[in-house]
C-alpha atoms as a PDB file:
ATOM      1  CA  UNK A   1      -5.886 -26.454  -4.155  1.00  0.00           C
ATOM      2  CA  UNK A   2      -8.281 -28.072  -6.637  1.00  0.00           C
ATOM      3  CA  UNK A   3     -12.078 -28.861  -6.350  1.00  0.00           C
ATOM      4  CA  UNK A   4     -12.858 -32.079  -7.108  1.00  0.00           C
ATOM      5  CA  UNK A   5     -13.680 -31.505 -10.313  1.00  0.00           C
ATOM      6  CA  UNK A   6      -9.764 -30.048 -10.996  1.00  0.00           C
ATOM      7  CA  UNK A   7     -10.842 -26.242 -10.967  1.00  0.00           C
ATOM      8  CA  UNK A   8      -9.308 -24.149  -8.341  1.00  0.00           C
ATOM      9  CA  UNK A   9     -11.065 -23.871  -5.447  1.00  0.00           C
ATOM     10  CA  UNK A  10     -12.818 -20.691  -4.324  1.00  0.00           C
ATOM     11  CA  UNK A  11     -10.686 -20.436  -1.149  1.00  0.00           C
ATOM     12  CA  UNK A  12      -7.576 -20.516  -3.018  1.00  0.00           C
ATOM     13  CA  UNK A  13      -8.602 -17.908  -5.028  1.00  0.00           C
ATOM     14  CA  UNK A  14      -9.431 -15.575  -2.352  1.00  0.00           C
ATOM     15  CA  UNK A  15      -6.049 -16.635  -0.375  1.00  0.00           C
ATOM     16  CA  UNK A  16      -4.001 -15.592  -3.635  1.00  0.00           C
ATOM     17  CA  UNK A  17      -5.906 -12.228  -3.883  1.00  0.00           C
ATOM     18  CA  UNK A  18      -5.890 -11.351  -0.280  1.00  0.00           C
ATOM     19  CA  UNK A  19      -1.573 -12.397  -0.589  1.00  0.00           C
ATOM     20  CA  UNK A  20      -1.530 -10.429  -3.406  1.00  0.00           C
ATOM     21  CA  UNK A  21      -2.759  -7.019  -2.533  1.00  0.00           C
ATOM     22  CA  UNK A  22      -0.655  -7.198   0.733  1.00  0.00           C
ATOM     23  CA  UNK A  23       2.676  -8.776  -0.312  1.00  0.00           C
ATOM     24  CA  UNK A  24       4.338  -5.100  -0.512  1.00  0.00           C
ATOM     25  CA  UNK A  25       3.761  -4.706   3.342  1.00  0.00           C
ATOM     26  CA  UNK A  26       5.187  -8.345   3.893  1.00  0.00           C
ATOM     27  CA  UNK A  27       9.224  -7.275   3.856  1.00  0.00           C
ATOM     28  CA  UNK A  28       8.602  -3.757   5.936  1.00  0.00           C
ATOM     29  CA  UNK A  29       6.043  -5.628   8.373  1.00  0.00           C
ATOM     30  CA  UNK A  30       8.712  -7.930   9.243  1.00  0.00           C
ATOM     31  CA  UNK A  31      11.626  -5.788   9.354  1.00  0.00           C
ATOM     32  CA  UNK A  32       9.616  -3.715  12.181  1.00  0.00           C
ATOM     33  CA  UNK A  33       9.197  -7.008  14.008  1.00  0.00           C
ATOM     34  CA  UNK A  34      12.726  -7.724  13.691  1.00  0.00           C
ATOM     35  CA  UNK A  35      13.501  -4.197  14.595  1.00  0.00           C
ATOM     36  CA  UNK A  36      11.478  -3.968  18.085  1.00  0.00           C
ATOM     37  CA  UNK A  37      12.501  -4.355  21.497  1.00  0.00           C
ATOM     38  CA  UNK A  38       9.512  -5.900  22.561  1.00  0.00           C
ATOM     39  CA  UNK A  39       6.119  -7.490  21.367  1.00  0.00           C
ATOM     40  CA  UNK A  40       3.764  -5.547  20.205  1.00  0.00           C
ATOM     41  CA  UNK A  41       0.288  -5.365  18.972  1.00  0.00           C
ATOM     42  CA  UNK A  42      -1.162  -4.728  15.345  1.00  0.00           C
ATOM     43  CA  UNK A  43      -2.380  -1.330  16.423  1.00  0.00           C
ATOM     44  CA  UNK A  44       1.222   0.052  17.140  1.00  0.00           C
ATOM     45  CA  UNK A  45       2.594  -1.923  14.276  1.00  0.00           C
ATOM     46  CA  UNK A  46       0.268  -0.018  12.262  1.00  0.00           C
ATOM     47  CA  UNK A  47       1.321   3.381  13.409  1.00  0.00           C
ATOM     48  CA  UNK A  48       4.932   2.466  12.782  1.00  0.00           C
ATOM     49  CA  UNK A  49       4.518   0.921   9.194  1.00  0.00           C
ATOM     50  CA  UNK A  50       2.402   4.326   8.424  1.00  0.00           C
ATOM     51  CA  UNK A  51       5.739   5.777   9.883  1.00  0.00           C
ATOM     52  CA  UNK A  52       7.738   4.232   7.607  1.00  0.00           C
ATOM     53  CA  UNK A  53       5.733   4.265   4.485  1.00  0.00           C
ATOM     54  CA  UNK A  54       4.066   7.951   4.722  1.00  0.00           C
ATOM     55  CA  UNK A  55       1.709   7.648   1.835  1.00  0.00           C
ATOM     56  CA  UNK A  56       0.204   3.997   1.795  1.00  0.00           C
ATOM     57  CA  UNK A  57      -2.307   4.668   4.636  1.00  0.00           C
ATOM     58  CA  UNK A  58      -2.330   0.971   5.931  1.00  0.00           C
ATOM     59  CA  UNK A  59      -5.472  -0.238   7.935  1.00  0.00           C
ATOM     60  CA  UNK A  60      -4.504  -1.912  11.230  1.00  0.00           C
ATOM     61  CA  UNK A  61      -6.829  -4.754  10.001  1.00  0.00           C
ATOM     62  CA  UNK A  62      -4.338  -5.097   6.841  1.00  0.00           C
ATOM     63  CA  UNK A  63      -1.350  -5.513   9.404  1.00  0.00           C
ATOM     64  CA  UNK A  64      -3.531  -7.890  12.009  1.00  0.00           C
ATOM     65  CA  UNK A  65      -4.280 -10.325   8.831  1.00  0.00           C
ATOM     66  CA  UNK A  66      -0.767 -10.214   7.563  1.00  0.00           C
ATOM     67  CA  UNK A  67       0.432 -11.004  11.422  1.00  0.00           C
ATOM     68  CA  UNK A  68      -2.056 -14.107  11.633  1.00  0.00           C
ATOM     69  CA  UNK A  69      -0.621 -14.807   8.185  1.00  0.00           C
ATOM     70  CA  UNK A  70       2.947 -14.673   9.433  1.00  0.00           C
ATOM     71  CA  UNK A  71       1.864 -16.722  12.801  1.00  0.00           C
ATOM     72  CA  UNK A  72       0.355 -19.629  10.315  1.00  0.00           C
ATOM     73  CA  UNK A  73       3.935 -19.915   8.316  1.00  0.00           C
ATOM     74  CA  UNK A  74       5.868 -19.745  11.453  1.00  0.00           C
ATOM     75  CA  UNK A  75       7.866 -16.541  10.652  1.00  0.00           C
ATOM     76  CA  UNK A  76       6.631 -14.892  13.789  1.00  0.00           C
ATOM     77  CA  UNK A  77       5.134 -15.915  16.873  1.00  0.00           C
ATOM     78  CA  UNK A  78       2.213 -14.331  19.447  1.00  0.00           C
ATOM     79  CA  UNK A  79       1.041 -13.903  22.824  1.00  0.00           C
ATOM     80  CA  UNK A  80      -1.661 -12.673  25.048  1.00  0.00           C
ATOM     81  CA  UNK A  81      -1.366  -8.924  26.524  1.00  0.00           C
ATOM     82  CA  UNK A  82      -4.819  -8.552  28.537  1.00  0.00           C
ATOM     83  CA  UNK A  83      -7.427  -8.893  25.701  1.00  0.00           C
ATOM     84  CA  UNK A  84      -4.842  -8.287  22.971  1.00  0.00           C
ATOM     85  CA  UNK A  85      -2.706 -10.063  21.095  1.00  0.00           C
ATOM     86  CA  UNK A  86       0.830  -9.011  20.583  1.00  0.00           C
ATOM     87  CA  UNK A  87       3.580 -10.429  18.212  1.00  0.00           C
ATOM     88  CA  UNK A  88       7.165 -10.324  17.777  1.00  0.00           C
ATOM     89  CA  UNK A  89      10.104 -12.310  15.742  1.00  0.00           C
ATOM     90  CA  UNK A  90      11.229 -15.334  15.663  1.00  0.00           C
ATOM     91  CA  UNK A  91      14.448 -16.909  14.579  1.00  0.00           C
ATOM     92  CA  UNK A  92      12.994 -17.360  10.864  1.00  0.00           C
ATOM     93  CA  UNK A  93      11.989 -13.949  10.450  1.00  0.00           C
ATOM     94  CA  UNK A  94      14.756 -12.711   9.100  1.00  0.00           C
ATOM     95  CA  UNK A  95      14.795 -15.538   6.722  1.00  0.00           C
ATOM     96  CA  UNK A  96      11.313 -14.548   5.884  1.00  0.00           C
ATOM     97  CA  UNK A  97      12.709 -11.331   5.164  1.00  0.00           C
ATOM     98  CA  UNK A  98      15.380 -12.040   3.304  1.00  0.00           C
ATOM     99  CA  UNK A  99      13.524 -14.158   1.020  1.00  0.00           C
ATOM    100  CA  UNK A 100      11.079 -11.431   0.496  1.00  0.00           C
ATOM    101  CA  UNK A 101      14.454  -8.968  -0.688  1.00  0.00           C
ATOM    102  CA  UNK A 102      15.383 -11.503  -3.077  1.00  0.00           C
ATOM    103  CA  UNK A 103      11.940 -12.121  -5.171  1.00  0.00           C
ATOM    104  CA  UNK A 104      11.759 -10.191  -8.233  1.00  0.00           C
ATOM    105  CA  UNK A 105       9.362  -6.963  -8.105  1.00  0.00           C
ATOM    106  CA  UNK A 106       6.749  -6.738 -10.928  1.00  0.00           C
ATOM    107  CA  UNK A 107       4.569  -3.625 -11.662  1.00  0.00           C
ATOM    108  CA  UNK A 108       0.988  -4.059 -10.374  1.00  0.00           C
ATOM    109  CA  UNK A 109      -1.681  -3.208 -12.772  1.00  0.00           C
ATOM    110  CA  UNK A 110      -3.221  -0.127 -12.999  1.00  0.00           C
ATOM    111  CA  UNK A 111      -6.697  -0.475 -11.603  1.00  0.00           C
ATOM    112  CA  UNK A 112      -7.723   2.973 -10.274  1.00  0.00           C
ATOM    113  CA  UNK A 113     -11.307   3.353  -9.986  1.00  0.00           C
ATOM    114  CA  UNK A 114     -11.444   6.724 -11.635  1.00  0.00           C
ATOM    115  CA  UNK A 115      -9.756   5.095 -14.890  1.00  0.00           C
ATOM    116  CA  UNK A 116     -12.936   2.671 -14.860  1.00  0.00           C
ATOM    117  CA  UNK A 117     -15.303   5.432 -14.664  1.00  0.00           C
ATOM    118  CA  UNK A 118     -13.753   7.653 -17.610  1.00  0.00           C
ATOM    119  CA  UNK A 119     -13.704   4.289 -19.739  1.00  0.00           C
ATOM    120  CA  UNK A 120     -17.384   3.590 -19.042  1.00  0.00           C
ATOM    121  CA  UNK A 121     -18.629   6.990 -19.227  1.00  0.00           C
ATOM    122  CA  UNK A 122     -20.507   9.154 -21.914  1.00  0.00           C
ATOM    123  CA  UNK A 123     -20.748  12.849 -22.892  1.00  0.00           C
ATOM    124  CA  UNK A 124     -23.649  13.451 -20.266  1.00  0.00           C
ATOM    125  CA  UNK A 125     -20.797  12.369 -17.239  1.00  0.00           C
ATOM    126  CA  UNK A 126     -18.792  15.115 -18.182  1.00  0.00           C
ATOM    127  CA  UNK A 127     -19.866  17.160 -14.904  1.00  0.00           C
ATOM    128  CA  UNK A 128     -19.347  13.894 -12.624  1.00  0.00           C
ATOM    129  CA  UNK A 129     -15.844  13.129 -14.379  1.00  0.00           C
ATOM    130  CA  UNK A 130     -14.650  16.924 -13.990  1.00  0.00           C
ATOM    131  CA  UNK A 131     -16.010  16.948 -10.441  1.00  0.00           C
ATOM    132  CA  UNK A 132     -14.077  13.560  -9.672  1.00  0.00           C
ATOM    133  CA  UNK A 133     -10.825  14.690 -11.206  1.00  0.00           C
ATOM    134  CA  UNK A 134     -10.979  17.310  -9.094  1.00  0.00           C
ATOM    135  CA  UNK A 135     -11.386  15.243  -6.198  1.00  0.00           C
ATOM    136  CA  UNK A 136      -8.418  13.098  -7.259  1.00  0.00           C
ATOM    137  CA  UNK A 137      -6.363  16.009  -7.699  1.00  0.00           C
ATOM    138  CA  UNK A 138      -6.927  17.344  -3.977  1.00  0.00           C
ATOM    139  CA  UNK A 139      -6.959  14.252  -2.695  1.00  0.00           C
ATOM    140  CA  UNK A 140      -3.397  13.389  -4.549  1.00  0.00           C
ATOM    141  CA  UNK A 141      -2.192  17.061  -3.364  1.00  0.00           C
ATOM    142  CA  UNK A 142      -3.018  16.625   0.091  1.00  0.00           C
ATOM    143  CA  UNK A 143      -0.925  13.405   0.306  1.00  0.00           C
ATOM    144  CA  UNK A 144       1.604  15.253  -1.215  1.00  0.00           C
ATOM    145  CA  UNK A 145       1.685  17.873   1.213  1.00  0.00           C
ATOM    146  CA  UNK A 146       1.812  15.174   3.798  1.00  0.00           C
ATOM    147  CA  UNK A 147       4.306  13.394   2.509  1.00  0.00           C
ATOM    148  CA  UNK A 148       6.944  16.709   2.131  1.00  0.00           C
ATOM    149  CA  UNK A 149       5.974  18.115   5.359  1.00  0.00           C
ATOM    150  CA  UNK A 150       8.531  15.961   6.994  1.00  0.00           C
ATOM    151  CA  UNK A 151      11.004  16.972   4.333  1.00  0.00           C
ATOM    152  CA  UNK A 152      13.708  15.382   3.612  1.00  0.00           C
ATOM    153  CA  UNK A 153      16.239  14.004   6.852  1.00  0.00           C
ATOM    154  CA  UNK A 154      19.472  14.584   7.303  1.00  0.00           C
ATOM    155  CA  UNK A 155      21.941  11.928   5.165  1.00  0.00           C
ATOM    156  CA  UNK A 156      24.363   9.999   6.635  1.00  0.00           C
ATOM    157  CA  UNK A 157      22.243   7.071   7.559  1.00  0.00           C
ATOM    158  CA  UNK A 158      20.957   4.077   5.975  1.00  0.00           C
ATOM    159  CA  UNK A 159      17.821   4.992   7.196  1.00  0.00           C
ATOM    160  CA  UNK A 160      18.027   8.571   6.256  1.00  0.00           C
ATOM    161  CA  UNK A 161      18.482   7.398   2.767  1.00  0.00           C
ATOM    162  CA  UNK A 162      15.720   5.089   2.560  1.00  0.00           C
ATOM    163  CA  UNK A 163      13.594   6.950   3.925  1.00  0.00           C
ATOM    164  CA  UNK A 164      14.559   9.535   1.400  1.00  0.00           C
ATOM    165  CA  UNK A 165      14.271   7.613  -1.736  1.00  0.00           C
ATOM    166  CA  UNK A 166      10.781   6.442  -0.506  1.00  0.00           C
ATOM    167  CA  UNK A 167       9.202   9.643  -0.081  1.00  0.00           C
ATOM    168  CA  UNK A 168      10.836  10.761  -3.242  1.00  0.00           C
ATOM    169  CA  UNK A 169       9.273   7.838  -4.857  1.00  0.00           C
ATOM    170  CA  UNK A 170       5.698   8.686  -3.563  1.00  0.00           C
ATOM    171  CA  UNK A 171       6.047  12.330  -4.294  1.00  0.00           C
ATOM    172  CA  UNK A 172       6.831  11.552  -8.191  1.00  0.00           C
ATOM    173  CA  UNK A 173       3.948   9.526  -8.618  1.00  0.00           C
ATOM    174  CA  UNK A 174       1.925  11.772  -6.663  1.00  0.00           C
ATOM    175  CA  UNK A 175       3.268  14.504  -8.776  1.00  0.00           C
ATOM    176  CA  UNK A 176       2.379  12.528 -12.025  1.00  0.00           C
ATOM    177  CA  UNK A 177      -1.168  11.755 -10.829  1.00  0.00           C
ATOM    178  CA  UNK A 178      -2.024  15.649 -10.471  1.00  0.00           C
ATOM    179  CA  UNK A 179      -0.536  16.453 -13.863  1.00  0.00           C
ATOM    180  CA  UNK A 180      -2.587  13.602 -15.467  1.00  0.00           C
ATOM    181  CA  UNK A 181      -5.996  14.872 -13.535  1.00  0.00           C
ATOM    182  CA  UNK A 182      -5.022  18.236 -14.616  1.00  0.00           C
ATOM    183  CA  UNK A 183      -4.689  17.328 -18.242  1.00  0.00           C
ATOM    184  CA  UNK A 184      -7.887  14.667 -18.407  1.00  0.00           C
ATOM    185  CA  UNK A 185     -10.032  17.866 -17.224  1.00  0.00           C
ATOM    186  CA  UNK A 186      -8.521  20.132 -19.755  1.00  0.00           C
ATOM    187  CA  UNK A 187      -9.219  17.500 -22.258  1.00  0.00           C
ATOM    188  CA  UNK A 188     -12.881  16.803 -21.192  1.00  0.00           C
ATOM    189  CA  UNK A 189     -13.261  20.933 -21.321  1.00  0.00           C
ATOM    190  CA  UNK A 190     -11.929  20.962 -24.802  1.00  0.00           C
ATOM    191  CA  UNK A 191     -14.078  18.267 -26.025  1.00  0.00           C
ATOM    192  CA  UNK A 192     -17.282  19.945 -24.265  1.00  0.00           C
ATOM    193  CA  UNK A 193     -16.585  23.208 -25.724  1.00  0.00           C
ATOM    194  CA  UNK A 194     -15.837  21.600 -29.031  1.00  0.00           C
ATOM    195  CA  UNK A 195     -19.417  20.297 -29.787  1.00  0.00           C
END
C-alpha cells in the first residue's frame, strides 16, 4: 500500500512487521491444522504447537492472530463452538503449506535486547550487565533442561526424526548462548579488574 504522497502507509508497514515476526510459525500451524481430525480453537492449537516446538514458547494470541490471517487469506475456515471460534483446514491448506516449504529461508537479524544493553552501556553499568548476563544464562539453562527433559524419541518414524532434529538445533543454540554469556561475564570482570 502506498499513501497519496507515494510513501508506504503505516498499516502496510505494521502488516509487514506482523507477518515477518510470525512467518516461521506459518508452516507448523498449517501442518497442525492438516493433521487434526476435528476443528480446534486457538488455545488447543497453541498447546500442540508448543509441543512441536518446545523452546519457542508461542503465545495463544499469536496463534489466534495467525489463524485469523489464514482465514482472511482463505486457506483455513472457522465456525463457532459456543463462545469460541474453532478452525479447520480447507482444500487450499495443503497447497499453502507446500508454498511455505518451497520458500527460501533467511537468517533473521540478531536483535537480542541483551546485546543492545551491552552496546549502549558504560563502565558504571558493569554490575547491571553481569546480573543481566547471569539471568540470561539461567533462562537459557532452564530452556535447555525443558528441551532435553523429553530426551530423544526413538528413531524410525519421520516424526521422530524431525522432532529430534528440531530439538538438537534448539539445544545447540542454547548451549552457544550459555557459552557466550559466560565468556561475556569473564571479559567484563577482566576489564573491571584491569582498571
